[in-house]
C-alpha atoms as a PDB file:
ATOM      1  CA  UNK A   1      -8.918   7.691  -5.581  1.00  0.00           C
ATOM      2  CA  UNK A   2      -6.876   5.320  -4.139  1.00  0.00           C
ATOM      3  CA  UNK A   3      -7.524   4.649  -0.301  1.00  0.00           C
ATOM      4  CA  UNK A   4      -5.702   2.243   2.111  1.00  0.00           C
ATOM      5  CA  UNK A   5      -6.530  -0.748   1.057  1.00  0.00           C
ATOM      6  CA  UNK A   6      -5.333   0.221  -2.772  1.00  0.00           C
ATOM      7  CA  UNK A   7      -2.094   1.890  -1.463  1.00  0.00           C
ATOM      8  CA  UNK A   8      -1.777  -1.458   0.919  1.00  0.00           C
ATOM      9  CA  UNK A   9      -1.736  -3.405  -2.387  1.00  0.00           C
ATOM     10  CA  UNK A  10       0.750  -1.140  -4.179  1.00  0.00           C
ATOM     11  CA  UNK A  11       3.061  -1.529  -0.715  1.00  0.00           C
ATOM     12  CA  UNK A  12       3.121  -5.160  -0.561  1.00  0.00           C
ATOM     13  CA  UNK A  13       3.787  -5.690  -4.308  1.00  0.00           C
ATOM     14  CA  UNK A  14       6.402  -3.233  -3.892  1.00  0.00           C
ATOM     15  CA  UNK A  15       7.638  -4.999  -0.863  1.00  0.00           C
ATOM     16  CA  UNK A  16       8.494  -8.254  -2.957  1.00  0.00           C
ATOM     17  CA  UNK A  17       9.008  -6.648  -6.458  1.00  0.00           C
ATOM     18  CA  UNK A  18      11.784  -4.446  -5.298  1.00  0.00           C
ATOM     19  CA  UNK A  19      13.434  -6.721  -2.550  1.00  0.00           C
ATOM     20  CA  UNK A  20      17.474  -6.890  -3.053  1.00  0.00           C
ATOM     21  CA  UNK A  21      16.963  -4.240  -5.980  1.00  0.00           C
ATOM     22  CA  UNK A  22      18.848  -1.124  -6.422  1.00  0.00           C
ATOM     23  CA  UNK A  23      18.577   1.851  -8.759  1.00  0.00           C
ATOM     24  CA  UNK A  24      20.048   1.671 -11.929  1.00  0.00           C
ATOM     25  CA  UNK A  25      18.833   5.235 -13.360  1.00  0.00           C
ATOM     26  CA  UNK A  26      16.403   7.819 -13.250  1.00  0.00           C
ATOM     27  CA  UNK A  27      14.650   9.241 -15.589  1.00  0.00           C
ATOM     28  CA  UNK A  28      11.641  12.241 -15.863  1.00  0.00           C
ATOM     29  CA  UNK A  29      10.930  15.492 -16.591  1.00  0.00           C
ATOM     30  CA  UNK A  30      10.086  18.008 -14.050  1.00  0.00           C
ATOM     31  CA  UNK A  31       6.270  18.722 -13.692  1.00  0.00           C
ATOM     32  CA  UNK A  32       4.333  20.507 -11.571  1.00  0.00           C
ATOM     33  CA  UNK A  33       1.782  17.995  -9.571  1.00  0.00           C
ATOM     34  CA  UNK A  34       0.337  18.061  -6.377  1.00  0.00           C
ATOM     35  CA  UNK A  35       3.778  19.108  -5.352  1.00  0.00           C
ATOM     36  CA  UNK A  36       6.757  20.065  -7.603  1.00  0.00           C
ATOM     37  CA  UNK A  37       8.301  17.637  -9.170  1.00  0.00           C
ATOM     38  CA  UNK A  38      12.334  17.632  -8.692  1.00  0.00           C
ATOM     39  CA  UNK A  39      13.745  14.436 -10.627  1.00  0.00           C
ATOM     40  CA  UNK A  40      17.197  16.205 -10.179  1.00  0.00           C
ATOM     41  CA  UNK A  41      16.985  16.257  -6.541  1.00  0.00           C
ATOM     42  CA  UNK A  42      15.494  12.412  -6.560  1.00  0.00           C
ATOM     43  CA  UNK A  43      17.952  11.384  -8.855  1.00  0.00           C
ATOM     44  CA  UNK A  44      20.812  12.852  -7.215  1.00  0.00           C
ATOM     45  CA  UNK A  45      19.799  10.929  -3.695  1.00  0.00           C
ATOM     46  CA  UNK A  46      19.120   7.389  -5.054  1.00  0.00           C
ATOM     47  CA  UNK A  47      20.916   6.718  -8.044  1.00  0.00           C
ATOM     48  CA  UNK A  48      23.079   3.571  -7.358  1.00  0.00           C
ATOM     49  CA  UNK A  49      21.028   3.005  -3.677  1.00  0.00           C
ATOM     50  CA  UNK A  50      19.536  -0.301  -2.637  1.00  0.00           C
ATOM     51  CA  UNK A  51      15.795  -0.115  -1.472  1.00  0.00           C
ATOM     52  CA  UNK A  52      15.594  -1.509   1.813  1.00  0.00           C
ATOM     53  CA  UNK A  53      11.637  -0.568   2.617  1.00  0.00           C
ATOM     54  CA  UNK A  54       8.499  -0.114   1.559  1.00  0.00           C
ATOM     55  CA  UNK A  55       6.377   1.558   4.245  1.00  0.00           C
ATOM     56  CA  UNK A  56       2.548   3.081   4.509  1.00  0.00           C
ATOM     57  CA  UNK A  57       1.247   5.561   6.210  1.00  0.00           C
ATOM     58  CA  UNK A  58      -2.542   6.637   5.769  1.00  0.00           C
ATOM     59  CA  UNK A  59      -2.477   6.785   1.956  1.00  0.00           C
ATOM     60  CA  UNK A  60       1.437   7.984   1.468  1.00  0.00           C
ATOM     61  CA  UNK A  61       3.620   5.240   0.152  1.00  0.00           C
ATOM     62  CA  UNK A  62       7.098   5.449   1.642  1.00  0.00           C
ATOM     63  CA  UNK A  63       9.952   3.810   0.067  1.00  0.00           C
ATOM     64  CA  UNK A  64      13.590   3.476   2.011  1.00  0.00           C
ATOM     65  CA  UNK A  65      16.668   4.140   0.393  1.00  0.00           C
ATOM     66  CA  UNK A  66      19.680   2.739   2.014  1.00  0.00           C
ATOM     67  CA  UNK A  67      20.137   5.572   4.504  1.00  0.00           C
ATOM     68  CA  UNK A  68      20.070   8.084   1.922  1.00  0.00           C
ATOM     69  CA  UNK A  69      15.901   9.344   3.187  1.00  0.00           C
ATOM     70  CA  UNK A  70      12.780   8.211   1.621  1.00  0.00           C
ATOM     71  CA  UNK A  71      10.518   8.881  -1.768  1.00  0.00           C
ATOM     72  CA  UNK A  72       6.944   9.901  -0.478  1.00  0.00           C
ATOM     73  CA  UNK A  73       4.443   8.982  -3.394  1.00  0.00           C
ATOM     74  CA  UNK A  74       0.426   9.369  -2.949  1.00  0.00           C
ATOM     75  CA  UNK A  75      -1.181   8.250  -6.202  1.00  0.00           C
ATOM     76  CA  UNK A  76      -3.501  11.167  -6.131  1.00  0.00           C
ATOM     77  CA  UNK A  77      -7.037  10.338  -8.217  1.00  0.00           C
ATOM     78  CA  UNK A  78      -5.488   8.523 -11.145  1.00  0.00           C
ATOM     79  CA  UNK A  79      -1.623   7.849 -10.270  1.00  0.00           C
ATOM     80  CA  UNK A  80      -0.097   4.460 -10.603  1.00  0.00           C
ATOM     81  CA  UNK A  81       2.790   2.513  -9.636  1.00  0.00           C
ATOM     82  CA  UNK A  82       4.185  -0.001 -12.930  1.00  0.00           C
ATOM     83  CA  UNK A  83       7.057  -2.635 -12.228  1.00  0.00           C
ATOM     84  CA  UNK A  84       7.609  -3.597 -15.621  1.00  0.00           C
ATOM     85  CA  UNK A  85      10.024  -4.361 -18.770  1.00  0.00           C
ATOM     86  CA  UNK A  86      11.679  -2.083 -20.327  1.00  0.00           C
ATOM     87  CA  UNK A  87      10.165  -2.770 -23.484  1.00  0.00           C
ATOM     88  CA  UNK A  88       6.588  -2.671 -22.644  1.00  0.00           C
ATOM     89  CA  UNK A  89       5.191   1.089 -24.337  1.00  0.00           C
ATOM     90  CA  UNK A  90       5.636   3.883 -21.991  1.00  0.00           C
ATOM     91  CA  UNK A  91       2.219   5.781 -21.166  1.00  0.00           C
ATOM     92  CA  UNK A  92       1.034   8.853 -21.514  1.00  0.00           C
ATOM     93  CA  UNK A  93       2.010  10.661 -18.294  1.00  0.00           C
ATOM     94  CA  UNK A  94       4.763   8.690 -17.221  1.00  0.00           C
ATOM     95  CA  UNK A  95       6.316  11.631 -15.201  1.00  0.00           C
ATOM     96  CA  UNK A  96       9.354   9.107 -13.254  1.00  0.00           C
ATOM     97  CA  UNK A  97      11.328   6.338 -14.152  1.00  0.00           C
ATOM     98  CA  UNK A  98      13.507   4.580 -11.839  1.00  0.00           C
ATOM     99  CA  UNK A  99      15.726   1.495 -13.534  1.00  0.00           C
ATOM    100  CA  UNK A 100      16.114  -1.126 -11.839  1.00  0.00           C
ATOM    101  CA  UNK A 101      19.269  -3.491 -11.103  1.00  0.00           C
ATOM    102  CA  UNK A 102      17.293  -6.380 -12.797  1.00  0.00           C
ATOM    103  CA  UNK A 103      16.650  -4.568 -15.930  1.00  0.00           C
ATOM    104  CA  UNK A 104      13.068  -3.750 -14.808  1.00  0.00           C
ATOM    105  CA  UNK A 105      11.555  -0.194 -14.591  1.00  0.00           C
ATOM    106  CA  UNK A 106       9.385   1.072 -11.505  1.00  0.00           C
ATOM    107  CA  UNK A 107       7.158   3.814 -13.206  1.00  0.00           C
ATOM    108  CA  UNK A 108       4.739   6.567 -11.992  1.00  0.00           C
ATOM    109  CA  UNK A 109       2.331   7.462 -14.037  1.00  0.00           C
ATOM    110  CA  UNK A 110      -0.673   9.894 -13.186  1.00  0.00           C
ATOM    111  CA  UNK A 111      -2.565  11.598 -15.646  1.00  0.00           C
ATOM    112  CA  UNK A 112      -4.453  13.645 -13.480  1.00  0.00           C
ATOM    113  CA  UNK A 113      -1.190  15.110 -11.807  1.00  0.00           C
ATOM    114  CA  UNK A 114      -3.157  15.248  -8.115  1.00  0.00           C
ATOM    115  CA  UNK A 115      -0.526  12.565  -7.105  1.00  0.00           C
ATOM    116  CA  UNK A 116       2.916  13.382  -6.226  1.00  0.00           C
ATOM    117  CA  UNK A 117       6.651  11.730  -5.678  1.00  0.00           C
ATOM    118  CA  UNK A 118       8.651  14.442  -2.869  1.00  0.00           C
ATOM    119  CA  UNK A 119      11.763  13.386  -1.570  1.00  0.00           C
ATOM    120  CA  UNK A 120      12.068  13.337   2.009  1.00  0.00           C
ATOM    121  CA  UNK A 121      15.568  13.302   3.831  1.00  0.00           C
ATOM    122  CA  UNK A 122      16.950  11.522   6.358  1.00  0.00           C
ATOM    123  CA  UNK A 123      14.522  13.136   9.586  1.00  0.00           C
ATOM    124  CA  UNK A 124      12.185  15.385   7.440  1.00  0.00           C
ATOM    125  CA  UNK A 125       9.377  12.601   7.693  1.00  0.00           C
ATOM    126  CA  UNK A 126       7.872  13.457  10.825  1.00  0.00           C
ATOM    127  CA  UNK A 127       7.884  16.980  10.285  1.00  0.00           C
ATOM    128  CA  UNK A 128       6.018  16.806   6.600  1.00  0.00           C
ATOM    129  CA  UNK A 129       2.884  18.666   6.463  1.00  0.00           C
ATOM    130  CA  UNK A 130       0.911  15.690   5.064  1.00  0.00           C
ATOM    131  CA  UNK A 131       2.089  13.007   7.623  1.00  0.00           C
ATOM    132  CA  UNK A 132       2.593  14.826  11.077  1.00  0.00           C
ATOM    133  CA  UNK A 133      -1.009  15.546  11.425  1.00  0.00           C
ATOM    134  CA  UNK A 134      -2.408  11.770  10.437  1.00  0.00           C
ATOM    135  CA  UNK A 135      -4.812   9.894  12.819  1.00  0.00           C
ATOM    136  CA  UNK A 136      -5.021   6.553  13.910  1.00  0.00           C
ATOM    137  CA  UNK A 137      -4.082   3.443  11.639  1.00  0.00           C
ATOM    138  CA  UNK A 138      -7.228   1.120  10.657  1.00  0.00           C
ATOM    139  CA  UNK A 139      -4.663  -1.598  10.965  1.00  0.00           C
ATOM    140  CA  UNK A 140      -3.147  -0.809  14.129  1.00  0.00           C
ATOM    141  CA  UNK A 141      -4.082  -3.244  16.878  1.00  0.00           C
ATOM    142  CA  UNK A 142      -5.282  -0.647  19.191  1.00  0.00           C
ATOM    143  CA  UNK A 143      -7.639   1.367  16.857  1.00  0.00           C
ATOM    144  CA  UNK A 144     -10.756  -0.342  18.620  1.00  0.00           C
ATOM    145  CA  UNK A 145      -9.243   1.826  21.707  1.00  0.00           C
ATOM    146  CA  UNK A 146      -8.122   4.499  20.574  1.00  0.00           C
ATOM    147  CA  UNK A 147     -10.860   5.527  17.842  1.00  0.00           C
ATOM    148  CA  UNK A 148     -14.007   5.351  19.705  1.00  0.00           C
ATOM    149  CA  UNK A 149     -12.973   7.922  22.373  1.00  0.00           C
ATOM    150  CA  UNK A 150     -11.741  10.512  19.374  1.00  0.00           C
ATOM    151  CA  UNK A 151     -15.402   9.824  17.388  1.00  0.00           C
ATOM    152  CA  UNK A 152     -17.270  10.378  20.768  1.00  0.00           C
ATOM    153  CA  UNK A 153     -16.028  13.737  21.327  1.00  0.00           C
ATOM    154  CA  UNK A 154     -17.209  15.649  18.440  1.00  0.00           C
ATOM    155  CA  UNK A 155     -20.754  16.915  17.311  1.00  0.00           C
ATOM    156  CA  UNK A 156     -20.106  16.382  13.380  1.00  0.00           C
ATOM    157  CA  UNK A 157     -21.905  13.541  11.748  1.00  0.00           C
ATOM    158  CA  UNK A 158     -19.871  10.189  12.139  1.00  0.00           C
ATOM    159  CA  UNK A 159     -19.467   9.773   8.394  1.00  0.00           C
ATOM    160  CA  UNK A 160     -17.632  12.777   8.346  1.00  0.00           C
ATOM    161  CA  UNK A 161     -15.466  11.881  10.995  1.00  0.00           C
ATOM    162  CA  UNK A 162     -14.203   8.508   9.329  1.00  0.00           C
ATOM    163  CA  UNK A 163     -13.409  10.062   6.614  1.00  0.00           C
ATOM    164  CA  UNK A 164     -11.592  12.689   8.856  1.00  0.00           C
ATOM    165  CA  UNK A 165      -7.503  11.855   7.945  1.00  0.00           C
ATOM    166  CA  UNK A 166      -6.553  13.488  11.264  1.00  0.00           C
ATOM    167  CA  UNK A 167      -8.617  11.063  13.300  1.00  0.00           C
ATOM    168  CA  UNK A 168      -8.772   7.975  11.046  1.00  0.00           C
ATOM    169  CA  UNK A 169      -5.629   7.554   8.462  1.00  0.00           C
ATOM    170  CA  UNK A 170      -6.384   6.562   4.780  1.00  0.00           C
ATOM    171  CA  UNK A 171     -10.378   5.589   4.809  1.00  0.00           C
ATOM    172  CA  UNK A 172     -11.884   6.776   1.860  1.00  0.00           C
ATOM    173  CA  UNK A 173     -15.380   7.143   0.769  1.00  0.00           C
ATOM    174  CA  UNK A 174     -16.039   3.428  -0.241  1.00  0.00           C
ATOM    175  CA  UNK A 175     -14.919   1.907   2.860  1.00  0.00           C
ATOM    176  CA  UNK A 176     -16.364   4.303   5.351  1.00  0.00           C
ATOM    177  CA  UNK A 177     -19.880   3.562   4.031  1.00  0.00           C
ATOM    178  CA  UNK A 178     -19.415  -0.140   3.806  1.00  0.00           C
ATOM    179  CA  UNK A 179     -18.376  -0.160   7.811  1.00  0.00           C
ATOM    180  CA  UNK A 180     -21.233   1.969   8.492  1.00  0.00           C
ATOM    181  CA  UNK A 181     -23.423  -0.237   6.999  1.00  0.00           C
ATOM    182  CA  UNK A 182     -21.716  -3.413   8.658  1.00  0.00           C
ATOM    183  CA  UNK A 183     -22.208  -1.651  11.958  1.00  0.00           C
ATOM    184  CA  UNK A 184     -25.864  -0.222  11.575  1.00  0.00           C
ATOM    185  CA  UNK A 185     -24.961   3.253  12.542  1.00  0.00           C
ATOM    186  CA  UNK A 186     -26.671   6.017  10.275  1.00  0.00           C
ATOM    187  CA  UNK A 187     -23.821   8.117   8.227  1.00  0.00           C
ATOM    188  CA  UNK A 188     -25.502  11.654   9.432  1.00  0.00           C
ATOM    189  CA  UNK A 189     -25.493  10.363  13.853  1.00  0.00           C
ATOM    190  CA  UNK A 190     -23.359  12.935  15.507  1.00  0.00           C
ATOM    191  CA  UNK A 191     -20.459  11.509  17.083  1.00  0.00           C
ATOM    192  CA  UNK A 192     -20.967  12.318  20.116  1.00  0.00           C
ATOM    193  CA  UNK A 193     -24.754  11.178  20.317  1.00  0.00           C
ATOM    194  CA  UNK A 194     -23.135   7.383  19.381  1.00  0.00           C
ATOM    195  CA  UNK A 195     -22.580   5.371  22.155  1.00  0.00           C
ATOM    196  CA  UNK A 196     -18.640   3.950  22.665  1.00  0.00           C
ATOM    197  CA  UNK A 197     -20.213   0.335  22.047  1.00  0.00           C
ATOM    198  CA  UNK A 198     -21.742   1.435  18.683  1.00  0.00           C
ATOM    199  CA  UNK A 199     -18.352   3.417  17.932  1.00  0.00           C
ATOM    200  CA  UNK A 200     -16.317   0.234  19.365  1.00  0.00           C
ATOM    201  CA  UNK A 201     -18.264  -2.069  16.730  1.00  0.00           C
ATOM    202  CA  UNK A 202     -17.494   0.475  13.928  1.00  0.00           C
ATOM    203  CA  UNK A 203     -13.960   0.400  14.523  1.00  0.00           C
ATOM    204  CA  UNK A 204     -13.785  -3.309  14.255  1.00  0.00           C
ATOM    205  CA  UNK A 205     -16.192  -3.115  10.749  1.00  0.00           C
ATOM    206  CA  UNK A 206     -13.719  -0.655   9.720  1.00  0.00           C
ATOM    207  CA  UNK A 207     -11.263  -3.110  10.146  1.00  0.00           C
ATOM    208  CA  UNK A 208     -12.681  -5.858   8.666  1.00  0.00           C
ATOM    209  CA  UNK A 209     -13.359  -3.872   6.041  1.00  0.00           C
ATOM    210  CA  UNK A 210      -9.915  -2.752   5.021  1.00  0.00           C
ATOM    211  CA  UNK A 211      -8.603  -6.253   5.526  1.00  0.00           C
ATOM    212  CA  UNK A 212     -11.067  -8.058   3.008  1.00  0.00           C
ATOM    213  CA  UNK A 213     -10.524  -5.395   0.699  1.00  0.00           C
ATOM    214  CA  UNK A 214      -6.167  -5.935   0.621  1.00  0.00           C
ATOM    215  CA  UNK A 215      -6.893  -9.396   0.531  1.00  0.00           C
ATOM    216  CA  UNK A 216      -8.698  -9.145  -2.642  1.00  0.00           C
ATOM    217  CA  UNK A 217      -6.102  -6.002  -3.989  1.00  0.00           C
ATOM    218  CA  UNK A 218      -8.469  -3.205  -3.086  1.00  0.00           C
ATOM    219  CA  UNK A 219     -11.295  -1.812  -5.289  1.00  0.00           C
ATOM    220  CA  UNK A 220     -11.350  -1.073  -9.345  1.00  0.00           C
ATOM    221  CA  UNK A 221     -13.834   1.670  -9.673  1.00  0.00           C
ATOM    222  CA  UNK A 222     -11.981   3.496 -12.671  1.00  0.00           C
ATOM    223  CA  UNK A 223      -8.117   3.876 -12.688  1.00  0.00           C
ATOM    224  CA  UNK A 224      -6.760   1.657  -9.822  1.00  0.00           C
ATOM    225  CA  UNK A 225      -4.518  -0.849 -10.783  1.00  0.00           C
ATOM    226  CA  UNK A 226      -1.497  -3.009  -8.964  1.00  0.00           C
ATOM    227  CA  UNK A 227       2.005  -2.365  -9.750  1.00  0.00           C
ATOM    228  CA  UNK A 228       1.519  -5.858 -11.918  1.00  0.00           C
ATOM    229  CA  UNK A 229      -1.257  -4.658 -13.832  1.00  0.00           C
ATOM    230  CA  UNK A 230      -3.585  -6.644 -12.120  1.00  0.00           C
ATOM    231  CA  UNK A 231      -7.647  -4.724 -10.962  1.00  0.00           C
ATOM    232  CA  UNK A 232      -8.779  -4.911  -7.696  1.00  0.00           C
ATOM    233  CA  UNK A 233     -11.608  -7.310  -6.893  1.00  0.00           C
ATOM    234  CA  UNK A 234     -13.213  -6.133  -3.905  1.00  0.00           C
ATOM    235  CA  UNK A 235     -15.626  -4.255  -5.849  1.00  0.00           C
ATOM    236  CA  UNK A 236     -17.725  -7.426  -5.977  1.00  0.00           C
ATOM    237  CA  UNK A 237     -18.278  -7.518  -3.269  1.00  0.00           C
ATOM    238  CA  UNK A 238     -19.277  -3.738  -1.763  1.00  0.00           C
ATOM    239  CA  UNK A 239     -22.826  -3.885  -0.296  1.00  0.00           C
ATOM    240  CA  UNK A 240     -23.747  -0.232  -0.330  1.00  0.00           C
ATOM    241  CA  UNK A 241     -21.318   1.706  -1.988  1.00  0.00           C
ATOM    242  CA  UNK A 242     -22.876   3.092  -5.650  1.00  0.00           C
ATOM    243  CA  UNK A 243     -26.026   0.729  -5.162  1.00  0.00           C
ATOM    244  CA  UNK A 244     -28.309   4.239  -4.416  1.00  0.00           C
ATOM    245  CA  UNK A 245     -31.987   2.766  -5.229  1.00  0.00           C
ATOM    246  CA  UNK A 246     -31.319  -0.811  -4.836  1.00  0.00           C
ATOM    247  CA  UNK A 247     -32.485  -3.341  -2.104  1.00  0.00           C
ATOM    248  CA  UNK A 248     -30.628  -3.348   0.983  1.00  0.00           C
ATOM    249  CA  UNK A 249     -28.597  -6.842   0.988  1.00  0.00           C
ATOM    250  CA  UNK A 250     -29.722  -7.322   4.928  1.00  0.00           C
ATOM    251  CA  UNK A 251     -33.297  -6.044   4.817  1.00  0.00           C
ATOM    252  CA  UNK A 252     -33.867  -5.643   1.390  1.00  0.00           C
ATOM    253  CA  UNK A 253     -35.862  -2.173   2.226  1.00  0.00           C
ATOM    254  CA  UNK A 254     -34.027   0.458  -0.812  1.00  0.00           C
ATOM    255  CA  UNK A 255     -31.175   1.847  -0.292  1.00  0.00           C
ATOM    256  CA  UNK A 256     -31.096   6.039   0.093  1.00  0.00           C
ATOM    257  CA  UNK A 257     -27.807   8.592  -0.788  1.00  0.00           C
ATOM    258  CA  UNK A 258     -27.058  11.559   1.273  1.00  0.00           C
ATOM    259  CA  UNK A 259     -24.140  13.858   0.520  1.00  0.00           C
ATOM    260  CA  UNK A 260     -22.359  14.244   4.108  1.00  0.00           C
ATOM    261  CA  UNK A 261     -18.915  16.372   3.831  1.00  0.00           C
ATOM    262  CA  UNK A 262     -19.473  16.902   0.246  1.00  0.00           C
ATOM    263  CA  UNK A 263     -19.018  13.333  -0.804  1.00  0.00           C
ATOM    264  CA  UNK A 264     -22.300  11.051  -1.715  1.00  0.00           C
ATOM    265  CA  UNK A 265     -23.013   8.302   0.876  1.00  0.00           C
ATOM    266  CA  UNK A 266     -25.208   5.322   0.367  1.00  0.00           C
ATOM    267  CA  UNK A 267     -27.218   3.686   3.695  1.00  0.00           C
ATOM    268  CA  UNK A 268     -30.067   1.959   4.712  1.00  0.00           C
ATOM    269  CA  UNK A 269     -32.739   3.842   6.838  1.00  0.00           C
ATOM    270  CA  UNK A 270     -33.887   0.840   8.099  1.00  0.00           C
ATOM    271  CA  UNK A 271     -31.063  -1.058   9.047  1.00  0.00           C
ATOM    272  CA  UNK A 272     -28.945   1.936  10.084  1.00  0.00           C
ATOM    273  CA  UNK A 273     -29.751   3.460  13.353  1.00  0.00           C
END
């Protein structure tokens, strides 16, 4: 599933690719995704409207249209946004297509249908259940001050806390494992038994991992690609994710895997305490 760096990479591509453009037409068909796709409603709101901003909250893309409202997009597990020429073949499971004023198209493709595209009227953003409860943004300048007390106040394993979108928005399994390894914190350690100093270090390493992944265009494990069709290259810099049984890059001991909050996490029993 695309995590914050992948979504931020897509956001930045849309910010550049859609700048100054407007919608010349909307095509698609109603389909049951994580939320029902109402193509008619979206078309009635954005046809002829100009793009004004591409924003992100956690793993959600927020595309604003000239006072009309916001198209909220979640990529789910296999979703893609494609900026392409009209001559390019239309992929199966292309659920929504926006024709652009420069002759290109923005296509939303999602084979597994775990994502969605949902229209938000002005003023609805703060009330939407997917957005209202999201936690601290990892790229927020105040994250290193805000996050540690939230983690320290809870008994759950620190890995599951990092994955809790109500505490920190947008971090998933890949980047949580990498940040914990960099911080030297055992993923099963309870938040309340981890010092604030170490939790501040974790906040720093989380930011570092996220920023480095964004700079590399995210991480492609299976389905993810940018709107231009490029893959994310942070996968070559992963130190522990997916490397159980291999030597730890820091100490050379064997990395082990543990299931926490239903997800496999890889860590070093020697380096992470």
